[in-house]
Amino acid sequence: MPQIGLILDVVVAVLLVATLFYCVRLNRRLNVIREHRGELEALIQAFNESCTRAELGVRSLRSATDEATRLQQYLERSQNLRDDLSYLMDRGGSLADRLEGGVRTARTAAPSNPMQMAAPAAPAAQVPAAAPRASDRLRERTAGVRQAPMGSEPVPVAPPAPAAPAAEVPAGGAAPRSRAERELLQALRARR
């Protein structure tokens, strides 16, 4: 039995030598880490700053995305408004053309003798829908003008009648004129 104790002591001694060898290697590696500890801390600090910048970048990207979405909605609304305005301008242009045609028709159909103004100028079927209003206004404007000799300006006898207010219904039972129609008529009058 004494030999078993000796064998166990030798085994323990070998294991202690192996442990000592590994401890020396571990100590060398830890020394290397301790020597480069400053660099490691600088690396960790740089990594932390990079993470902070990335978080700020993500936040600014989210806000930019929200702003872009809001701008896209404004753009869609403005395009719809542009389309509506274009449609209204087309309608206004055609209405202005009809009114101008009615005024021209009324001017050409207006008699040169003021006594004949009570007679109708043209049948209703030949005049556009806006012509009766324009011709009525023309008659109102020319009713107070005295015929002057050729080549001279007509002399007004009485001031022209004021235009119908927005709430009044024009002659013939038509609907009241909108603000846009009144402004268009004023522009046509100013053009003359």
C-alpha atoms as a PDB file:
ATOM      1  CA  MET A   1       0.000   0.000   0.000  1.00  0.00           C
ATOM      2  CA  PRO A   2       2.838   2.370   0.453  1.00  0.00           C
ATOM      3  CA  GLN A   3       3.373   2.333  -3.260  1.00  0.00           C
ATOM      4  CA  ILE A   4      -0.141   3.585  -3.953  1.00  0.00           C
ATOM      5  CA  GLY A   5       0.543   6.641  -1.805  1.00  0.00           C
ATOM      6  CA  LEU A   6       3.728   7.352  -3.708  1.00  0.00           C
ATOM      7  CA  ILE A   7       1.961   6.997  -7.056  1.00  0.00           C
ATOM      8  CA  LEU A   8      -0.744   9.386  -5.911  1.00  0.00           C
ATOM      9  CA  ASP A   9       1.872  11.899  -4.779  1.00  0.00           C
ATOM     10  CA  VAL A  10       3.599  11.740  -8.173  1.00  0.00           C
ATOM     11  CA  VAL A  11       0.293  12.223  -9.992  1.00  0.00           C
ATOM     12  CA  VAL A  12      -0.570  15.216  -7.800  1.00  0.00           C
ATOM     13  CA  ALA A  13       2.905  16.680  -8.387  1.00  0.00           C
ATOM     14  CA  VAL A  14       2.519  16.313 -12.175  1.00  0.00           C
ATOM     15  CA  LEU A  15      -0.872  17.960 -12.059  1.00  0.00           C
ATOM     16  CA  LEU A  16       0.551  20.794  -9.957  1.00  0.00           C
ATOM     17  CA  VAL A  17       3.340  21.356 -12.514  1.00  0.00           C
ATOM     18  CA  ALA A  18       0.758  21.444 -15.338  1.00  0.00           C
ATOM     19  CA  THR A  19      -1.364  23.880 -13.332  1.00  0.00           C
ATOM     20  CA  LEU A  20       1.678  26.058 -12.695  1.00  0.00           C
ATOM     21  CA  PHE A  21       2.505  26.051 -16.432  1.00  0.00           C
ATOM     22  CA  TYR A  22      -1.045  27.138 -17.341  1.00  0.00           C
ATOM     23  CA  CYS A  23      -1.030  29.827 -14.612  1.00  0.00           C
ATOM     24  CA  VAL A  24       2.164  31.323 -16.073  1.00  0.00           C
ATOM     25  CA  ARG A  25       0.631  31.405 -19.553  1.00  0.00           C
ATOM     26  CA  LEU A  26      -2.577  32.975 -18.196  1.00  0.00           C
ATOM     27  CA  ASN A  27      -0.549  35.582 -16.312  1.00  0.00           C
ATOM     28  CA  ARG A  28       1.310  36.537 -19.509  1.00  0.00           C
ATOM     29  CA  ARG A  29      -1.938  36.943 -21.396  1.00  0.00           C
ATOM     30  CA  LEU A  30      -3.453  39.020 -18.617  1.00  0.00           C
ATOM     31  CA  ASN A  31      -0.354  41.234 -18.654  1.00  0.00           C
ATOM     32  CA  VAL A  32      -0.854  41.784 -22.391  1.00  0.00           C
ATOM     33  CA  ILE A  33      -4.472  42.753 -21.725  1.00  0.00           C
ATOM     34  CA  ARG A  34      -3.415  45.070 -18.891  1.00  0.00           C
ATOM     35  CA  GLU A  35      -0.828  46.724 -21.130  1.00  0.00           C
ATOM     36  CA  HIS A  36      -3.422  47.367 -23.814  1.00  0.00           C
ATOM     37  CA  ARG A  37      -6.156  48.328 -21.375  1.00  0.00           C
ATOM     38  CA  GLY A  38      -6.047  52.007 -22.438  1.00  0.00           C
ATOM     39  CA  GLU A  39      -6.509  51.031 -26.079  1.00  0.00           C
ATOM     40  CA  LEU A  40      -9.367  48.732 -25.121  1.00  0.00           C
ATOM     41  CA  GLU A  41     -11.053  51.501 -23.151  1.00  0.00           C
ATOM     42  CA  ALA A  42     -10.609  53.899 -26.092  1.00  0.00           C
ATOM     43  CA  LEU A  43     -12.129  51.265 -28.390  1.00  0.00           C
ATOM     44  CA  ILE A  44     -15.094  50.788 -26.047  1.00  0.00           C
ATOM     45  CA  GLN A  45     -15.569  54.593 -25.813  1.00  0.00           C
ATOM     46  CA  ALA A  46     -15.477  54.947 -29.613  1.00  0.00           C
ATOM     47  CA  PHE A  47     -17.977  52.104 -29.945  1.00  0.00           C
ATOM     48  CA  ASN A  48     -20.272  53.802 -27.405  1.00  0.00           C
ATOM     49  CA  GLU A  49     -20.081  57.121 -29.303  1.00  0.00           C
ATOM     50  CA  SER A  50     -20.820  55.339 -32.569  1.00  0.00           C
ATOM     51  CA  CYS A  51     -23.903  53.740 -31.009  1.00  0.00           C
ATOM     52  CA  THR A  52     -25.091  57.149 -29.742  1.00  0.00           C
ATOM     53  CA  ARG A  53     -24.609  58.709 -33.190  1.00  0.00           C
ATOM     54  CA  ALA A  54     -26.468  55.816 -34.787  1.00  0.00           C
ATOM     55  CA  GLU A  55     -29.414  56.344 -32.416  1.00  0.00           C
ATOM     56  CA  LEU A  56     -29.496  60.064 -33.252  1.00  0.00           C
ATOM     57  CA  GLY A  57     -29.304  59.222 -36.953  1.00  0.00           C
ATOM     58  CA  VAL A  58     -32.241  56.837 -36.640  1.00  0.00           C
ATOM     59  CA  ARG A  59     -34.285  59.514 -34.829  1.00  0.00           C
ATOM     60  CA  SER A  60     -33.511  62.143 -37.476  1.00  0.00           C
ATOM     61  CA  LEU A  61     -34.318  59.624 -40.208  1.00  0.00           C
ATOM     62  CA  ARG A  62     -37.687  58.933 -38.580  1.00  0.00           C
ATOM     63  CA  SER A  63     -38.469  62.657 -38.345  1.00  0.00           C
ATOM     64  CA  ALA A  64     -37.387  63.138 -41.977  1.00  0.00           C
ATOM     65  CA  THR A  65     -39.641  60.265 -43.014  1.00  0.00           C
ATOM     66  CA  ASP A  66     -42.554  61.818 -41.121  1.00  0.00           C
ATOM     67  CA  GLU A  67     -41.853  65.185 -42.774  1.00  0.00           C
ATOM     68  CA  ALA A  68     -41.652  63.542 -46.205  1.00  0.00           C
ATOM     69  CA  THR A  69     -44.992  61.815 -45.593  1.00  0.00           C
ATOM     70  CA  ARG A  70     -46.559  65.112 -44.535  1.00  0.00           C
ATOM     71  CA  LEU A  71     -45.111  66.871 -47.595  1.00  0.00           C
ATOM     72  CA  GLN A  72     -46.448  64.104 -49.839  1.00  0.00           C
ATOM     73  CA  GLN A  73     -49.924  64.648 -48.403  1.00  0.00           C
ATOM     74  CA  TYR A  74     -49.618  68.416 -48.992  1.00  0.00           C
ATOM     75  CA  LEU A  75     -48.460  67.740 -52.531  1.00  0.00           C
ATOM     76  CA  GLU A  76     -51.449  65.489 -53.223  1.00  0.00           C
ATOM     77  CA  ARG A  77     -53.821  68.112 -51.807  1.00  0.00           C
ATOM     78  CA  SER A  78     -52.190  70.872 -53.840  1.00  0.00           C
ATOM     79  CA  GLN A  79     -52.440  68.780 -57.014  1.00  0.00           C
ATOM     80  CA  ASN A  80     -56.144  68.255 -56.332  1.00  0.00           C
ATOM     81  CA  LEU A  81     -56.569  71.996 -55.802  1.00  0.00           C
ATOM     82  CA  ARG A  82     -54.609  72.705 -58.978  1.00  0.00           C
ATOM     83  CA  ASP A  83     -56.892  70.380 -60.925  1.00  0.00           C
ATOM     84  CA  ASP A  84     -59.963  72.060 -59.420  1.00  0.00           C
ATOM     85  CA  LEU A  85     -58.608  75.524 -60.240  1.00  0.00           C
ATOM     86  CA  SER A  86     -57.774  74.444 -63.779  1.00  0.00           C
ATOM     87  CA  TYR A  87     -61.311  73.158 -64.203  1.00  0.00           C
ATOM     88  CA  LEU A  88     -62.761  76.383 -62.810  1.00  0.00           C
ATOM     89  CA  MET A  89     -60.522  78.470 -65.083  1.00  0.00           C
ATOM     90  CA  ASP A  90     -61.679  76.484 -68.103  1.00  0.00           C
ATOM     91  CA  ARG A  91     -65.295  76.939 -67.079  1.00  0.00           C
ATOM     92  CA  GLY A  92     -64.714  80.643 -66.399  1.00  0.00           C
ATOM     93  CA  GLY A  93     -63.032  81.056 -69.786  1.00  0.00           C
ATOM     94  CA  SER A  94     -65.914  79.411 -71.595  1.00  0.00           C
ATOM     95  CA  LEU A  95     -68.374  81.527 -69.602  1.00  0.00           C
ATOM     96  CA  ALA A  96     -66.409  84.668 -70.468  1.00  0.00           C
ATOM     97  CA  ASP A  97     -66.421  83.677 -74.130  1.00  0.00           C
ATOM     98  CA  ARG A  98     -70.190  83.134 -74.008  1.00  0.00           C
ATOM     99  CA  LEU A  99     -70.688  86.491 -72.295  1.00  0.00           C
ATOM    100  CA  GLU A 100     -68.445  88.266 -74.758  1.00  0.00           C
ATOM    101  CA  GLY A 101     -70.274  86.625 -77.651  1.00  0.00           C
ATOM    102  CA  GLY A 102     -73.560  87.750 -76.148  1.00  0.00           C
ATOM    103  CA  VAL A 103     -72.282  91.294 -75.780  1.00  0.00           C
ATOM    104  CA  ARG A 104     -71.039  91.310 -79.373  1.00  0.00           C
ATOM    105  CA  THR A 105     -74.357  89.939 -80.549  1.00  0.00           C
ATOM    106  CA  ALA A 106     -76.190  92.579 -78.563  1.00  0.00           C
ATOM    107  CA  ARG A 107     -73.960  95.324 -79.946  1.00  0.00           C
ATOM    108  CA  THR A 108     -74.418  94.250 -83.531  1.00  0.00           C
ATOM    109  CA  ALA A 109     -78.139  93.750 -83.030  1.00  0.00           C
ATOM    110  CA  ALA A 110     -78.627  97.081 -81.218  1.00  0.00           C
ATOM    111  CA  PRO A 111     -80.447  99.553 -83.505  1.00  0.00           C
ATOM    112  CA  SER A 112     -78.780 102.825 -84.381  1.00  0.00           C
ATOM    113  CA  ASN A 113     -82.018 104.702 -83.646  1.00  0.00           C
ATOM    114  CA  PRO A 114     -82.750 105.040 -79.899  1.00  0.00           C
ATOM    115  CA  MET A 115     -86.485 104.847 -80.588  1.00  0.00           C
ATOM    116  CA  GLN A 116     -86.123 101.284 -81.848  1.00  0.00           C
ATOM    117  CA  MET A 117     -84.474 100.030 -78.630  1.00  0.00           C
ATOM    118  CA  ALA A 118     -87.762  98.788 -77.250  1.00  0.00           C
ATOM    119  CA  ALA A 119     -87.952  96.181 -80.054  1.00  0.00           C
ATOM    120  CA  PRO A 120     -86.131  92.880 -79.429  1.00  0.00           C
ATOM    121  CA  ALA A 121     -82.721  92.673 -81.113  1.00  0.00           C
ATOM    122  CA  ALA A 122     -82.657  88.983 -82.050  1.00  0.00           C
ATOM    123  CA  PRO A 123     -84.721  85.870 -81.441  1.00  0.00           C
ATOM    124  CA  ALA A 124     -83.857  84.020 -78.223  1.00  0.00           C
ATOM    125  CA  ALA A 125     -82.909  80.839 -80.095  1.00  0.00           C
ATOM    126  CA  GLN A 126     -79.981  82.564 -81.838  1.00  0.00           C
ATOM    127  CA  VAL A 127     -78.536  84.278 -78.735  1.00  0.00           C
ATOM    128  CA  PRO A 128     -76.435  82.282 -76.225  1.00  0.00           C
ATOM    129  CA  ALA A 129     -77.795  81.738 -72.696  1.00  0.00           C
ATOM    130  CA  ALA A 130     -75.769  84.639 -71.220  1.00  0.00           C
ATOM    131  CA  ALA A 131     -76.805  87.102 -73.973  1.00  0.00           C
ATOM    132  CA  PRO A 132     -80.063  88.396 -72.442  1.00  0.00           C
ATOM    133  CA  ARG A 133     -78.189  89.597 -69.365  1.00  0.00           C
ATOM    134  CA  ALA A 134     -75.501  91.314 -71.415  1.00  0.00           C
ATOM    135  CA  SER A 135     -78.000  92.862 -73.810  1.00  0.00           C
ATOM    136  CA  ASP A 136     -80.188  94.059 -70.921  1.00  0.00           C
ATOM    137  CA  ARG A 137     -77.171  95.776 -69.417  1.00  0.00           C
ATOM    138  CA  LEU A 138     -76.244  97.240 -72.784  1.00  0.00           C
ATOM    139  CA  ARG A 139     -79.762  98.625 -73.154  1.00  0.00           C
ATOM    140  CA  GLU A 140     -79.595 100.043 -69.641  1.00  0.00           C
ATOM    141  CA  ARG A 141     -76.274 101.704 -70.378  1.00  0.00           C
ATOM    142  CA  THR A 142     -77.329 103.075 -73.757  1.00  0.00           C
ATOM    143  CA  ALA A 143     -80.848 104.079 -72.684  1.00  0.00           C
ATOM    144  CA  GLY A 144     -79.518 107.178 -70.951  1.00  0.00           C
ATOM    145  CA  VAL A 145     -77.228 108.206 -73.822  1.00  0.00           C
ATOM    146  CA  ARG A 146     -78.395 110.802 -76.323  1.00  0.00           C
ATOM    147  CA  GLN A 147     -77.548 110.227 -79.971  1.00  0.00           C
ATOM    148  CA  ALA A 148     -74.676 112.527 -80.988  1.00  0.00           C
ATOM    149  CA  PRO A 149     -73.627 113.636 -84.456  1.00  0.00           C
ATOM    150  CA  MET A 150     -71.346 111.294 -86.408  1.00  0.00           C
ATOM    151  CA  GLY A 151     -67.728 111.245 -85.297  1.00  0.00           C
ATOM    152  CA  SER A 152     -68.349 112.631 -81.807  1.00  0.00           C
ATOM    153  CA  GLU A 153     -68.777 110.882 -78.469  1.00  0.00           C
ATOM    154  CA  PRO A 154     -72.303 110.177 -77.169  1.00  0.00           C
ATOM    155  CA  VAL A 155     -73.405 112.510 -74.386  1.00  0.00           C
ATOM    156  CA  PRO A 156     -74.855 110.863 -71.261  1.00  0.00           C
ATOM    157  CA  VAL A 157     -78.276 112.105 -70.257  1.00  0.00           C
ATOM    158  CA  ALA A 158     -78.755 110.238 -66.970  1.00  0.00           C
ATOM    159  CA  PRO A 159     -76.414 108.101 -64.875  1.00  0.00           C
ATOM    160  CA  PRO A 160     -76.581 104.397 -65.642  1.00  0.00           C
ATOM    161  CA  ALA A 161     -78.659 102.223 -63.345  1.00  0.00           C
ATOM    162  CA  PRO A 162     -76.638 100.441 -60.632  1.00  0.00           C
ATOM    163  CA  ALA A 163     -75.886  96.764 -61.132  1.00  0.00           C
ATOM    164  CA  ALA A 164     -78.187  94.301 -59.419  1.00  0.00           C
ATOM    165  CA  PRO A 165     -76.932  93.299 -55.958  1.00  0.00           C
ATOM    166  CA  ALA A 166     -75.924  89.699 -55.348  1.00  0.00           C
ATOM    167  CA  ALA A 167     -79.139  88.849 -53.515  1.00  0.00           C
ATOM    168  CA  GLU A 168     -81.415  90.102 -56.329  1.00  0.00           C
ATOM    169  CA  VAL A 169     -82.697  87.735 -58.944  1.00  0.00           C
ATOM    170  CA  PRO A 170     -82.048  88.996 -62.490  1.00  0.00           C
ATOM    171  CA  ALA A 171     -84.912  89.491 -64.911  1.00  0.00           C
ATOM    172  CA  GLY A 172     -86.387  86.359 -66.384  1.00  0.00           C
ATOM    173  CA  GLY A 173     -86.365  84.370 -63.108  1.00  0.00           C
ATOM    174  CA  ALA A 174     -82.739  83.239 -63.480  1.00  0.00           C
ATOM    175  CA  ALA A 175     -80.685  82.319 -60.417  1.00  0.00           C
ATOM    176  CA  PRO A 176     -78.785  85.098 -58.597  1.00  0.00           C
ATOM    177  CA  ARG A 177     -75.343  85.863 -59.961  1.00  0.00           C
ATOM    178  CA  SER A 178     -72.374  84.503 -58.076  1.00  0.00           C
ATOM    179  CA  ARG A 179     -69.467  86.626 -57.004  1.00  0.00           C
ATOM    180  CA  ALA A 180     -67.330  85.175 -59.788  1.00  0.00           C
ATOM    181  CA  GLU A 181     -69.925  86.145 -62.404  1.00  0.00           C
ATOM    182  CA  ARG A 182     -70.133  89.679 -61.025  1.00  0.00           C
ATOM    183  CA  GLU A 183     -66.348  90.027 -61.067  1.00  0.00           C
ATOM    184  CA  LEU A 184     -66.197  88.666 -64.609  1.00  0.00           C
ATOM    185  CA  LEU A 185     -68.828  91.128 -65.772  1.00  0.00           C
ATOM    186  CA  GLN A 186     -66.948  93.978 -64.087  1.00  0.00           C
ATOM    187  CA  ALA A 187     -63.758  92.917 -65.839  1.00  0.00           C
ATOM    188  CA  LEU A 188     -65.555  92.829 -69.200  1.00  0.00           C
ATOM    189  CA  ARG A 189     -66.995  96.301 -68.548  1.00  0.00           C
ATOM    190  CA  ALA A 190     -63.577  97.648 -67.622  1.00  0.00           C
ATOM    191  CA  ARG A 191     -62.137  96.173 -70.814  1.00  0.00           C
ATOM    192  CA  ARG A 192     -64.507  98.273 -72.921  1.00  0.00           C
END
